[in-house]
Amino acid sequence: MDIVGEQYEKNIKFIPEMLMSAEALRDAMELLAPVLTKSDLSKAGRVVMGTVEGDIHDIGQQIVSMMLEGAGFEVYNLGVDVPADKFVEKVKQEKADVVGMSAFLSTTGLRFPDVIQSLQEAGIREQVKVMIGGAAASGKYAETIGADGYGPNAGAAVRLVKSFMSKQ
């Protein structure tokens, strides 16, 4: 998936190839999961992913989730239309290291700060890194709202999560 992600960034591969590769990875992970869970291999970290409340677009965050799983992360994908309290609940439950939020619509991108605020109010914001992505996100917006980073594409998002984990 790292190679496919790099090729996507260079316009060698496109969304259909990313989706096919991600589906192949998902199928392979289903076969390998029983073996990997019995081994002594530790997970690279825990990531809670989801598309924010009001938005039902999930292709990008699904690809990021699958690529993170392929990179050795334990991923809890909450799906689409996820309210802030569900992100907080899952972060607490799983003791997540990273929260990844996606929004496609500019109107739903306004929900990113709600999740960050809810993490703050729950007293766990300092314990978790927050990244945003999707068409409604940008590096400047991430900085403005207090997110720890922005993933402009799936490959960059995986590298961002890896960089978060290397700093711990």
N, C-alpha and C. Protein backbone atom coordinates (compact mmCIF):
# COMPACT_ATOMS: atom_id res chain seq x y z
N MET A 1 0.83 -1.19 0.00
CA MET A 1 0.00 0.00 0.00
C MET A 1 0.87 1.25 0.00
N ASP A 2 2.04 1.17 0.64
CA ASP A 2 2.95 2.31 0.61
C ASP A 2 3.37 2.64 -0.82
N ILE A 3 3.68 1.60 -1.58
CA ILE A 3 4.09 1.80 -2.97
C ILE A 3 2.94 2.36 -3.80
N VAL A 4 1.75 1.82 -3.62
CA VAL A 4 0.58 2.31 -4.36
C VAL A 4 0.31 3.76 -3.97
N GLY A 5 0.44 4.08 -2.69
CA GLY A 5 0.26 5.45 -2.22
C GLY A 5 1.25 6.41 -2.86
N GLU A 6 2.51 5.98 -2.94
CA GLU A 6 3.53 6.82 -3.58
C GLU A 6 3.22 7.02 -5.06
N GLN A 7 2.78 5.94 -5.72
CA GLN A 7 2.44 6.04 -7.14
C GLN A 7 1.23 6.93 -7.35
N TYR A 8 0.29 6.91 -6.43
CA TYR A 8 -0.87 7.79 -6.51
C TYR A 8 -0.42 9.25 -6.42
N GLU A 9 0.48 9.54 -5.50
CA GLU A 9 0.97 10.91 -5.34
C GLU A 9 1.70 11.40 -6.58
N LYS A 10 2.29 10.48 -7.35
CA LYS A 10 3.02 10.83 -8.57
C LYS A 10 2.15 10.74 -9.82
N ASN A 11 0.83 10.54 -9.61
CA ASN A 11 -0.13 10.41 -10.72
C ASN A 11 0.17 9.23 -11.64
N ILE A 12 0.76 8.17 -11.06
CA ILE A 12 0.99 6.94 -11.80
C ILE A 12 -0.21 6.01 -11.60
N LYS A 13 -0.72 5.99 -10.38
CA LYS A 13 -1.93 5.23 -10.04
C LYS A 13 -3.04 6.23 -9.71
N PHE A 14 -4.28 5.75 -9.82
CA PHE A 14 -5.42 6.63 -9.59
C PHE A 14 -6.38 5.96 -8.60
N ILE A 15 -7.46 6.66 -8.26
CA ILE A 15 -8.41 6.18 -7.25
C ILE A 15 -8.86 4.73 -7.49
N PRO A 16 -9.22 4.32 -8.70
CA PRO A 16 -9.65 2.92 -8.88
C PRO A 16 -8.56 1.92 -8.47
N GLU A 17 -7.30 2.22 -8.83
CA GLU A 17 -6.21 1.31 -8.43
C GLU A 17 -5.99 1.33 -6.92
N MET A 18 -6.15 2.50 -6.31
CA MET A 18 -6.03 2.60 -4.85
C MET A 18 -7.10 1.74 -4.19
N LEU A 19 -8.34 1.84 -4.69
CA LEU A 19 -9.43 1.06 -4.11
C LEU A 19 -9.22 -0.44 -4.31
N MET A 20 -8.79 -0.83 -5.50
CA MET A 20 -8.53 -2.25 -5.74
C MET A 20 -7.42 -2.76 -4.84
N SER A 21 -6.37 -1.98 -4.69
CA SER A 21 -5.26 -2.38 -3.82
C SER A 21 -5.70 -2.46 -2.37
N ALA A 22 -6.50 -1.50 -1.95
CA ALA A 22 -6.99 -1.49 -0.57
C ALA A 22 -7.90 -2.69 -0.32
N GLU A 23 -8.74 -3.03 -1.28
CA GLU A 23 -9.61 -4.20 -1.13
C GLU A 23 -8.78 -5.48 -1.08
N ALA A 24 -7.75 -5.57 -1.90
CA ALA A 24 -6.87 -6.74 -1.87
C ALA A 24 -6.18 -6.84 -0.52
N LEU A 25 -5.75 -5.70 0.00
CA LEU A 25 -5.12 -5.68 1.32
C LEU A 25 -6.10 -6.12 2.39
N ARG A 26 -7.32 -5.64 2.32
CA ARG A 26 -8.33 -6.02 3.30
C ARG A 26 -8.56 -7.54 3.27
N ASP A 27 -8.67 -8.10 2.06
CA ASP A 27 -8.86 -9.55 1.94
C ASP A 27 -7.66 -10.30 2.51
N ALA A 28 -6.46 -9.82 2.21
CA ALA A 28 -5.25 -10.47 2.73
C ALA A 28 -5.19 -10.36 4.25
N MET A 29 -5.57 -9.22 4.79
CA MET A 29 -5.54 -9.03 6.24
C MET A 29 -6.53 -9.96 6.94
N GLU A 30 -7.66 -10.23 6.31
CA GLU A 30 -8.62 -11.17 6.90
C GLU A 30 -8.00 -12.56 7.02
N LEU A 31 -7.23 -12.95 6.01
CA LEU A 31 -6.57 -14.25 6.04
C LEU A 31 -5.42 -14.27 7.05
N LEU A 32 -4.69 -13.17 7.12
CA LEU A 32 -3.52 -13.11 7.99
C LEU A 32 -3.84 -12.78 9.44
N ALA A 33 -4.99 -12.17 9.69
CA ALA A 33 -5.33 -11.70 11.04
C ALA A 33 -5.21 -12.80 12.10
N PRO A 34 -5.73 -14.00 11.87
CA PRO A 34 -5.59 -15.03 12.91
C PRO A 34 -4.13 -15.36 13.24
N VAL A 35 -3.28 -15.37 12.22
CA VAL A 35 -1.86 -15.66 12.43
C VAL A 35 -1.19 -14.49 13.16
N LEU A 36 -1.48 -13.28 12.71
CA LEU A 36 -0.85 -12.10 13.32
C LEU A 36 -1.28 -11.90 14.76
N THR A 37 -2.53 -12.18 15.07
CA THR A 37 -3.00 -11.98 16.44
C THR A 37 -2.41 -13.01 17.39
N LYS A 38 -1.99 -14.16 16.87
CA LYS A 38 -1.35 -15.18 17.71
C LYS A 38 0.15 -14.94 17.87
N SER A 39 0.70 -14.08 17.03
CA SER A 39 2.14 -13.84 17.09
C SER A 39 2.46 -12.79 18.16
N ASP A 40 3.74 -12.61 18.38
CA ASP A 40 4.20 -11.65 19.37
C ASP A 40 4.37 -10.25 18.77
N LEU A 41 3.94 -10.08 17.54
CA LEU A 41 4.08 -8.77 16.90
C LEU A 41 3.18 -7.75 17.60
N SER A 42 3.75 -6.64 17.98
CA SER A 42 2.93 -5.61 18.61
C SER A 42 2.45 -4.63 17.55
N LYS A 43 1.31 -4.05 17.82
CA LYS A 43 0.75 -3.07 16.89
C LYS A 43 1.56 -1.78 16.97
N ALA A 44 1.58 -1.06 15.86
CA ALA A 44 2.34 0.19 15.79
C ALA A 44 1.65 1.30 16.57
N GLY A 45 0.37 1.15 16.85
CA GLY A 45 -0.40 2.15 17.57
C GLY A 45 -1.88 1.96 17.30
N ARG A 46 -2.69 2.76 17.98
CA ARG A 46 -4.15 2.67 17.83
C ARG A 46 -4.67 3.97 17.24
N VAL A 47 -5.50 3.83 16.22
CA VAL A 47 -6.04 4.99 15.51
C VAL A 47 -7.55 4.89 15.42
N VAL A 48 -8.24 5.95 15.82
CA VAL A 48 -9.69 6.05 15.65
C VAL A 48 -9.92 6.92 14.42
N MET A 49 -10.67 6.40 13.45
CA MET A 49 -10.95 7.12 12.21
C MET A 49 -12.45 7.31 12.05
N GLY A 50 -12.84 8.37 11.36
CA GLY A 50 -14.24 8.57 11.05
C GLY A 50 -14.47 9.81 10.22
N THR A 51 -15.61 9.83 9.55
CA THR A 51 -16.07 11.00 8.82
C THR A 51 -16.99 11.77 9.76
N VAL A 52 -16.76 13.06 9.89
CA VAL A 52 -17.47 13.86 10.89
C VAL A 52 -18.98 13.94 10.63
N GLU A 53 -19.67 14.32 11.69
CA GLU A 53 -21.13 14.41 11.67
C GLU A 53 -21.62 15.27 10.51
N GLY A 54 -22.64 14.76 9.83
CA GLY A 54 -23.25 15.49 8.73
C GLY A 54 -22.69 15.12 7.37
N ASP A 55 -21.63 14.33 7.34
CA ASP A 55 -20.96 13.99 6.08
C ASP A 55 -21.00 12.47 5.89
N ILE A 56 -21.33 12.04 4.68
CA ILE A 56 -21.42 10.60 4.42
C ILE A 56 -20.38 10.13 3.40
N HIS A 57 -19.39 10.94 3.11
CA HIS A 57 -18.34 10.57 2.16
C HIS A 57 -17.24 9.83 2.90
N ASP A 58 -16.90 8.65 2.42
CA ASP A 58 -15.91 7.88 3.19
C ASP A 58 -14.85 7.16 2.38
N ILE A 59 -14.80 7.35 1.09
CA ILE A 59 -13.82 6.61 0.29
C ILE A 59 -12.40 6.92 0.76
N GLY A 60 -12.09 8.19 0.94
CA GLY A 60 -10.74 8.58 1.36
C GLY A 60 -10.36 8.01 2.72
N GLN A 61 -11.24 8.17 3.69
CA GLN A 61 -10.89 7.67 5.03
C GLN A 61 -10.89 6.16 5.09
N GLN A 62 -11.65 5.50 4.22
CA GLN A 62 -11.59 4.03 4.14
C GLN A 62 -10.22 3.60 3.62
N ILE A 63 -9.73 4.30 2.61
CA ILE A 63 -8.41 3.97 2.06
C ILE A 63 -7.33 4.21 3.11
N VAL A 64 -7.41 5.35 3.80
CA VAL A 64 -6.43 5.64 4.86
C VAL A 64 -6.49 4.56 5.93
N SER A 65 -7.69 4.17 6.33
CA SER A 65 -7.84 3.13 7.36
C SER A 65 -7.17 1.83 6.93
N MET A 66 -7.43 1.41 5.70
CA MET A 66 -6.85 0.16 5.22
C MET A 66 -5.33 0.26 5.10
N MET A 67 -4.83 1.41 4.65
CA MET A 67 -3.38 1.58 4.55
C MET A 67 -2.74 1.58 5.95
N LEU A 68 -3.41 2.18 6.92
CA LEU A 68 -2.89 2.16 8.29
C LEU A 68 -2.85 0.74 8.83
N GLU A 69 -3.90 -0.04 8.56
CA GLU A 69 -3.90 -1.44 8.99
C GLU A 69 -2.75 -2.18 8.35
N GLY A 70 -2.52 -1.94 7.07
CA GLY A 70 -1.41 -2.58 6.36
C GLY A 70 -0.06 -2.17 6.92
N ALA A 71 0.01 -0.98 7.51
CA ALA A 71 1.25 -0.49 8.11
C ALA A 71 1.40 -0.96 9.56
N GLY A 72 0.46 -1.78 10.03
CA GLY A 72 0.60 -2.35 11.36
C GLY A 72 -0.16 -1.65 12.47
N PHE A 73 -1.02 -0.71 12.13
CA PHE A 73 -1.79 -0.01 13.15
C PHE A 73 -3.11 -0.72 13.41
N GLU A 74 -3.59 -0.61 14.62
CA GLU A 74 -4.90 -1.09 14.99
C GLU A 74 -5.86 0.07 14.71
N VAL A 75 -6.80 -0.12 13.80
CA VAL A 75 -7.67 0.96 13.36
C VAL A 75 -9.11 0.67 13.77
N TYR A 76 -9.74 1.67 14.36
CA TYR A 76 -11.15 1.60 14.74
C TYR A 76 -11.88 2.61 13.88
N ASN A 77 -12.50 2.13 12.81
CA ASN A 77 -13.18 3.03 11.87
C ASN A 77 -14.64 3.17 12.30
N LEU A 78 -15.01 4.37 12.67
CA LEU A 78 -16.36 4.65 13.14
C LEU A 78 -17.34 4.88 12.00
N GLY A 79 -16.85 4.97 10.78
CA GLY A 79 -17.73 5.15 9.63
C GLY A 79 -18.02 6.61 9.34
N VAL A 80 -19.25 6.87 8.91
CA VAL A 80 -19.65 8.21 8.46
C VAL A 80 -20.62 8.84 9.45
N ASP A 81 -20.77 10.15 9.33
CA ASP A 81 -21.76 10.90 10.12
C ASP A 81 -21.54 10.68 11.62
N VAL A 82 -20.28 10.81 12.04
CA VAL A 82 -19.90 10.50 13.42
C VAL A 82 -19.91 11.78 14.28
N PRO A 83 -20.75 11.82 15.31
CA PRO A 83 -20.76 12.99 16.21
C PRO A 83 -19.51 13.01 17.09
N ALA A 84 -19.18 14.17 17.60
CA ALA A 84 -17.98 14.37 18.40
C ALA A 84 -17.91 13.43 19.58
N ASP A 85 -19.03 13.21 20.25
CA ASP A 85 -19.00 12.37 21.45
C ASP A 85 -18.64 10.92 21.14
N LYS A 86 -18.93 10.46 19.92
CA LYS A 86 -18.56 9.09 19.54
C LYS A 86 -17.05 8.96 19.35
N PHE A 87 -16.43 10.01 18.79
CA PHE A 87 -14.97 10.01 18.69
C PHE A 87 -14.36 9.93 20.09
N VAL A 88 -14.85 10.77 21.00
CA VAL A 88 -14.32 10.81 22.37
C VAL A 88 -14.50 9.46 23.06
N GLU A 89 -15.68 8.91 22.94
CA GLU A 89 -15.99 7.62 23.57
C GLU A 89 -15.03 6.53 23.10
N LYS A 90 -14.79 6.47 21.79
CA LYS A 90 -13.93 5.43 21.23
C LYS A 90 -12.47 5.66 21.61
N VAL A 91 -12.04 6.90 21.64
CA VAL A 91 -10.66 7.21 22.06
C VAL A 91 -10.44 6.73 23.48
N LYS A 92 -11.39 7.02 24.35
CA LYS A 92 -11.29 6.57 25.75
C LYS A 92 -11.29 5.05 25.84
N GLN A 93 -12.24 4.44 25.15
CA GLN A 93 -12.41 2.99 25.21
C GLN A 93 -11.17 2.25 24.73
N GLU A 94 -10.57 2.71 23.65
CA GLU A 94 -9.44 1.99 23.04
C GLU A 94 -8.08 2.56 23.43
N LYS A 95 -8.08 3.66 24.20
CA LYS A 95 -6.82 4.33 24.56
C LYS A 95 -6.03 4.64 23.29
N ALA A 96 -6.71 5.29 22.35
CA ALA A 96 -6.13 5.57 21.03
C ALA A 96 -4.98 6.56 21.13
N ASP A 97 -4.07 6.42 20.19
CA ASP A 97 -2.93 7.33 20.07
C ASP A 97 -3.23 8.48 19.12
N VAL A 98 -4.10 8.20 18.13
CA VAL A 98 -4.38 9.17 17.07
C VAL A 98 -5.87 9.14 16.74
N VAL A 99 -6.42 10.33 16.45
CA VAL A 99 -7.77 10.46 15.91
C VAL A 99 -7.63 11.04 14.51
N GLY A 100 -8.24 10.37 13.54
CA GLY A 100 -8.24 10.86 12.17
C GLY A 100 -9.67 11.19 11.77
N MET A 101 -9.87 12.44 11.36
CA MET A 101 -11.21 12.88 10.94
C MET A 101 -11.19 13.28 9.48
N SER A 102 -12.28 12.99 8.80
CA SER A 102 -12.42 13.33 7.40
C SER A 102 -13.70 14.12 7.17
N ALA A 103 -13.65 15.02 6.22
CA ALA A 103 -14.84 15.74 5.76
C ALA A 103 -14.66 16.10 4.30
N PHE A 104 -15.69 15.90 3.54
CA PHE A 104 -15.65 16.24 2.12
C PHE A 104 -16.28 17.60 1.87
N LEU A 105 -17.36 17.88 2.58
CA LEU A 105 -18.11 19.12 2.37
C LEU A 105 -17.54 20.25 3.23
N SER A 106 -17.49 21.45 2.68
CA SER A 106 -16.97 22.58 3.46
C SER A 106 -17.83 22.84 4.69
N THR A 107 -19.12 22.56 4.59
CA THR A 107 -19.99 22.79 5.74
C THR A 107 -19.73 21.78 6.87
N THR A 108 -19.34 20.57 6.52
CA THR A 108 -19.06 19.58 7.56
C THR A 108 -17.64 19.70 8.08
N GLY A 109 -16.77 20.31 7.31
CA GLY A 109 -15.41 20.58 7.79
C GLY A 109 -15.42 21.46 9.02
N LEU A 110 -16.50 22.16 9.22
CA LEU A 110 -16.65 23.01 10.41
C LEU A 110 -16.86 22.17 11.67
N ARG A 111 -17.03 20.87 11.50
CA ARG A 111 -17.21 19.97 12.65
C ARG A 111 -15.89 19.52 13.28
N PHE A 112 -14.79 19.68 12.56
CA PHE A 112 -13.49 19.28 13.12
C PHE A 112 -13.24 19.93 14.48
N PRO A 113 -13.44 21.25 14.60
CA PRO A 113 -13.19 21.89 15.91
C PRO A 113 -14.10 21.35 17.02
N ASP A 114 -15.32 20.90 16.66
CA ASP A 114 -16.22 20.33 17.66
C ASP A 114 -15.60 19.09 18.31
N VAL A 115 -14.97 18.26 17.50
CA VAL A 115 -14.35 17.05 18.02
C VAL A 115 -13.15 17.41 18.90
N ILE A 116 -12.34 18.34 18.42
CA ILE A 116 -11.17 18.76 19.21
C ILE A 116 -11.62 19.34 20.54
N GLN A 117 -12.66 20.17 20.51
CA GLN A 117 -13.20 20.76 21.74
C GLN A 117 -13.72 19.67 22.68
N SER A 118 -14.40 18.67 22.13
CA SER A 118 -14.93 17.57 22.95
C SER A 118 -13.80 16.75 23.58
N LEU A 119 -12.73 16.55 22.83
CA LEU A 119 -11.56 15.86 23.39
C LEU A 119 -10.98 16.67 24.55
N GLN A 120 -10.94 17.99 24.36
CA GLN A 120 -10.43 18.89 25.40
C GLN A 120 -11.32 18.82 26.65
N GLU A 121 -12.61 18.92 26.45
CA GLU A 121 -13.56 18.89 27.57
C GLU A 121 -13.52 17.56 28.32
N ALA A 122 -13.21 16.48 27.60
CA ALA A 122 -13.12 15.17 28.23
C ALA A 122 -11.78 14.98 28.94
N GLY A 123 -10.88 15.94 28.79
CA GLY A 123 -9.58 15.86 29.44
C GLY A 123 -8.60 14.91 28.79
N ILE A 124 -8.81 14.59 27.51
CA ILE A 124 -7.92 13.64 26.84
C ILE A 124 -7.23 14.21 25.60
N ARG A 125 -7.41 15.48 25.34
CA ARG A 125 -6.82 16.07 24.13
C ARG A 125 -5.29 15.93 24.12
N GLU A 126 -4.66 16.11 25.26
CA GLU A 126 -3.19 16.04 25.30
C GLU A 126 -2.67 14.60 25.16
N GLN A 127 -3.55 13.63 25.27
CA GLN A 127 -3.13 12.23 25.18
C GLN A 127 -3.24 11.66 23.77
N VAL A 128 -3.81 12.42 22.86
CA VAL A 128 -4.07 11.89 21.53
C VAL A 128 -3.69 12.94 20.47
N LYS A 129 -3.11 12.46 19.38
CA LYS A 129 -2.81 13.33 18.24
C LYS A 129 -4.04 13.39 17.36
N VAL A 130 -4.27 14.55 16.76
CA VAL A 130 -5.45 14.74 15.91
C VAL A 130 -4.99 15.13 14.51
N MET A 131 -5.50 14.38 13.51
CA MET A 131 -5.22 14.74 12.11
C MET A 131 -6.53 14.86 11.37
N ILE A 132 -6.52 15.72 10.37
CA ILE A 132 -7.70 15.92 9.53
C ILE A 132 -7.34 15.67 8.08
N GLY A 133 -8.37 15.36 7.29
CA GLY A 133 -8.17 15.14 5.87
C GLY A 133 -9.49 15.26 5.14
N GLY A 134 -9.41 15.18 3.83
CA GLY A 134 -10.60 15.29 2.99
C GLY A 134 -10.63 16.63 2.27
N ALA A 135 -11.60 16.77 1.40
CA ALA A 135 -11.69 17.97 0.57
C ALA A 135 -11.93 19.24 1.38
N ALA A 136 -12.50 19.11 2.58
CA ALA A 136 -12.79 20.28 3.41
C ALA A 136 -11.63 20.64 4.32
N ALA A 137 -10.51 19.97 4.17
CA ALA A 137 -9.37 20.19 5.07
C ALA A 137 -8.18 20.77 4.31
N SER A 138 -7.29 21.37 5.07
CA SER A 138 -6.03 21.87 4.53
C SER A 138 -5.04 21.98 5.69
N GLY A 139 -3.79 22.14 5.35
CA GLY A 139 -2.78 22.31 6.38
C GLY A 139 -3.01 23.57 7.19
N LYS A 140 -3.39 24.63 6.51
CA LYS A 140 -3.65 25.89 7.20
C LYS A 140 -4.85 25.76 8.14
N TYR A 141 -5.90 25.08 7.69
CA TYR A 141 -7.08 24.90 8.53
C TYR A 141 -6.73 24.03 9.74
N ALA A 142 -5.93 22.99 9.53
CA ALA A 142 -5.51 22.13 10.65
C ALA A 142 -4.81 22.97 11.71
N GLU A 143 -3.93 23.82 11.27
CA GLU A 143 -3.20 24.69 12.20
C GLU A 143 -4.14 25.65 12.92
N THR A 144 -5.07 26.21 12.19
CA THR A 144 -6.02 27.19 12.75
C THR A 144 -6.89 26.58 13.85
N ILE A 145 -7.32 25.33 13.66
CA ILE A 145 -8.24 24.73 14.62
C ILE A 145 -7.54 23.94 15.73
N GLY A 146 -6.23 23.86 15.66
CA GLY A 146 -5.49 23.16 16.71
C GLY A 146 -5.31 21.67 16.49
N ALA A 147 -5.48 21.22 15.24
CA ALA A 147 -5.18 19.82 14.93
C ALA A 147 -3.66 19.67 14.87
N ASP A 148 -3.18 18.45 15.02
CA ASP A 148 -1.74 18.20 15.00
C ASP A 148 -1.20 18.00 13.60
N GLY A 149 -2.09 17.78 12.64
CA GLY A 149 -1.61 17.58 11.29
C GLY A 149 -2.73 17.40 10.29
N TYR A 150 -2.32 17.40 9.02
CA TYR A 150 -3.23 17.29 7.88
C TYR A 150 -2.65 16.29 6.90
N GLY A 151 -3.47 15.37 6.44
CA GLY A 151 -3.06 14.42 5.41
C GLY A 151 -3.72 14.75 4.09
N PRO A 152 -2.99 15.31 3.15
CA PRO A 152 -3.58 15.68 1.86
C PRO A 152 -3.99 14.48 1.01
N ASN A 153 -3.43 13.31 1.32
CA ASN A 153 -3.80 12.08 0.62
C ASN A 153 -3.49 10.91 1.53
N ALA A 154 -3.86 9.71 1.11
CA ALA A 154 -3.73 8.54 1.97
C ALA A 154 -2.28 8.25 2.36
N GLY A 155 -1.38 8.32 1.41
CA GLY A 155 0.02 8.06 1.71
C GLY A 155 0.58 9.04 2.72
N ALA A 156 0.25 10.30 2.53
CA ALA A 156 0.72 11.34 3.46
C ALA A 156 0.11 11.15 4.85
N ALA A 157 -1.15 10.72 4.90
CA ALA A 157 -1.80 10.50 6.19
C ALA A 157 -1.10 9.37 6.97
N VAL A 158 -0.74 8.31 6.28
CA VAL A 158 -0.04 7.21 6.93
C VAL A 158 1.33 7.67 7.43
N ARG A 159 2.04 8.42 6.62
CA ARG A 159 3.35 8.96 7.06
C ARG A 159 3.18 9.87 8.27
N LEU A 160 2.11 10.64 8.28
CA LEU A 160 1.85 11.54 9.41
C LEU A 160 1.63 10.74 10.69
N VAL A 161 0.82 9.70 10.62
CA VAL A 161 0.58 8.86 11.80
C VAL A 161 1.88 8.21 12.26
N LYS A 162 2.68 7.72 11.32
CA LYS A 162 3.97 7.12 11.68
C LYS A 162 4.86 8.15 12.38
N SER A 163 4.82 9.40 11.89
CA SER A 163 5.65 10.44 12.51
C SER A 163 5.16 10.75 13.92
N PHE A 164 3.85 10.73 14.13
CA PHE A 164 3.30 10.94 15.47
C PHE A 164 3.84 9.86 16.41
N MET A 165 3.84 8.62 15.94
CA MET A 165 4.24 7.50 16.80
C MET A 165 5.74 7.51 17.07
N SER A 166 6.52 8.00 16.14
CA SER A 166 7.97 8.02 16.34
C SER A 166 8.38 9.08 17.36
N LYS A 167 7.51 10.05 17.61
CA LYS A 167 7.80 11.13 18.56
C LYS A 167 7.37 10.78 19.97
N GLN A 168 6.73 9.64 20.16
CA GLN A 168 6.25 9.28 21.51
C GLN A 168 7.32 8.55 22.28
